Amino acid sequence: MANSMGERIKKLRRERNLTQRKLSEMLGVRTSAVSMYESGQRSANYDIIIKLSEIFDCSLDYLIKGEEDIDTKLKSIMKDELLIAFEDYDSWSTEDKEELLKYLSAKKLTRQK
């Protein structure tokens, strides 16, 4: 696990195949600022930390303290599982797609009760 916030930023950026330049554009800062965040030479302000959380789809707790909450862990696992489950969706029959939609609609209704 990455020990510092800078290491976590670097790890998340690399996992998403982003360059420091691309991340800096997304954040509205100079590339050198991203480099300094990652090396620990500069601390990101609250607005930047919030933007990083949104860009990386992670919790503020993870960015700041390195701790993931259970919902974040589950979302990550579920996202991977869903990608695998639906990787051949285009080859599904119309009947299978309709059956899935009916199931999801029914499941949503039972949760709303």
Protein backbone atom coordinates (compact mmCIF):
# COMPACT_ATOMS: atom_id res chain seq x y z
CA MET A 1 0.00 0.00 0.00
CA ALA A 2 1.20 3.52 -0.79
CA ASN A 3 2.33 5.23 2.43
CA SER A 4 1.89 8.90 1.62
CA MET A 5 -0.80 10.85 -0.16
CA GLY A 6 1.72 11.67 -2.89
CA GLU A 7 2.45 7.97 -3.44
CA ARG A 8 -1.28 7.25 -3.60
CA ILE A 9 -1.81 10.02 -6.16
CA LYS A 10 1.02 8.63 -8.28
CA LYS A 11 -0.32 5.07 -7.96
CA LEU A 12 -3.86 6.08 -8.94
CA ARG A 13 -2.61 8.21 -11.84
CA ARG A 14 -0.54 5.34 -13.22
CA GLU A 15 -3.38 2.83 -12.78
CA ARG A 16 -5.47 5.05 -15.04
CA ASN A 17 -2.66 5.52 -17.56
CA LEU A 18 -2.64 9.28 -17.03
CA THR A 19 0.45 11.39 -17.51
CA GLN A 20 1.29 14.12 -15.03
CA ARG A 21 0.50 16.60 -17.79
CA LYS A 22 -2.98 15.12 -18.43
CA LEU A 23 -3.76 15.03 -14.70
CA SER A 24 -2.57 18.61 -14.32
CA GLU A 25 -4.93 19.67 -17.12
CA MET A 26 -7.82 17.88 -15.43
CA LEU A 27 -6.99 19.62 -12.14
CA GLY A 28 -6.31 23.03 -13.66
CA VAL A 29 -2.78 23.23 -12.24
CA ARG A 30 0.73 23.17 -13.68
CA THR A 31 2.44 19.86 -14.39
CA SER A 32 5.11 20.79 -11.85
CA ALA A 33 2.39 20.99 -9.15
CA VAL A 34 1.35 17.37 -9.81
CA SER A 35 5.00 16.33 -9.68
CA MET A 36 5.40 18.09 -6.32
CA TYR A 37 2.17 16.53 -4.94
CA GLU A 38 3.47 13.08 -5.88
CA SER A 39 6.95 13.64 -4.44
CA GLY A 40 5.61 15.18 -1.23
CA GLN A 41 7.30 18.52 -1.87
CA ARG A 42 3.92 20.27 -1.90
CA SER A 43 0.58 19.58 -0.25
CA ALA A 44 -2.58 19.69 -2.31
CA ASN A 45 -5.27 22.06 -1.05
CA TYR A 46 -8.77 20.84 -0.21
CA ASP A 47 -10.20 21.74 -3.62
CA ILE A 48 -7.48 19.74 -5.39
CA ILE A 49 -7.94 16.76 -3.06
CA ILE A 50 -11.68 16.77 -3.78
CA LYS A 51 -11.02 16.94 -7.54
CA LEU A 52 -8.53 14.06 -7.24
CA SER A 53 -11.14 12.02 -5.39
CA GLU A 54 -13.62 12.63 -8.20
CA ILE A 55 -11.11 11.94 -10.99
CA PHE A 56 -9.88 8.73 -9.37
CA ASP A 57 -13.32 7.70 -8.07
CA CYS A 58 -11.94 7.07 -4.60
CA SER A 59 -12.79 8.27 -1.13
CA LEU A 60 -11.20 11.28 0.52
CA ASP A 61 -10.23 8.93 3.36
CA TYR A 62 -8.20 6.85 0.95
CA LEU A 63 -6.43 9.85 -0.56
CA ILE A 64 -5.66 11.49 2.77
CA LYS A 65 -5.17 8.58 5.16
CA GLY A 66 -4.77 5.57 2.88
CA GLU A 67 -7.86 3.90 4.32
CA GLU A 68 -10.61 2.52 2.15
CA ASP A 69 -14.10 2.19 3.52
CA ILE A 70 -16.09 -0.97 2.86
CA ASP A 71 -18.31 0.73 0.27
CA THR A 72 -15.28 1.81 -1.75
CA LYS A 73 -13.83 -1.70 -1.66
CA LEU A 74 -17.15 -3.24 -2.68
CA LYS A 75 -17.62 -0.75 -5.52
CA SER A 76 -14.21 -1.61 -6.87
CA ILE A 77 -14.89 -5.34 -6.71
CA MET A 78 -18.36 -4.95 -8.20
CA LYS A 79 -17.09 -2.77 -11.04
CA ASP A 80 -14.57 -5.46 -11.98
CA GLU A 81 -17.14 -8.24 -11.66
CA LEU A 82 -19.65 -6.34 -13.80
CA LEU A 83 -17.09 -5.71 -16.51
CA ILE A 84 -16.35 -9.41 -16.65
CA ALA A 85 -20.03 -10.39 -16.56
CA PHE A 86 -20.98 -8.04 -19.37
CA GLU A 87 -17.89 -8.29 -21.58
CA ASP A 88 -19.85 -10.30 -24.17
CA TYR A 89 -23.11 -8.34 -23.79
CA ASP A 90 -23.19 -7.47 -27.51
CA SER A 91 -23.47 -11.16 -28.35
CA TRP A 92 -26.44 -11.74 -26.03
CA SER A 93 -29.79 -12.55 -27.57
CA THR A 94 -32.56 -9.98 -27.42
CA GLU A 95 -34.46 -12.31 -25.08
CA ASP A 96 -31.52 -12.46 -22.66
CA LYS A 97 -31.20 -8.68 -22.66
CA GLU A 98 -34.94 -8.25 -22.02
CA GLU A 99 -34.82 -10.82 -19.23
CA LEU A 100 -31.98 -8.93 -17.57
CA LEU A 101 -33.87 -5.63 -17.79
CA LYS A 102 -36.99 -7.22 -16.27
CA TYR A 103 -34.94 -8.68 -13.43
CA LEU A 104 -33.20 -5.38 -12.69
CA SER A 105 -36.49 -3.48 -12.76
CA ALA A 106 -38.10 -5.96 -10.38
CA LYS A 107 -35.08 -5.85 -8.06
CA LYS A 108 -35.21 -2.06 -7.99
CA LEU A 109 -38.91 -2.12 -7.08
CA THR A 110 -38.34 -4.55 -4.19
CA ARG A 111 -35.59 -2.32 -2.78
CA GLN A 112 -37.83 0.75 -2.93
CA LYS A 113 -40.47 -0.86 -0.70
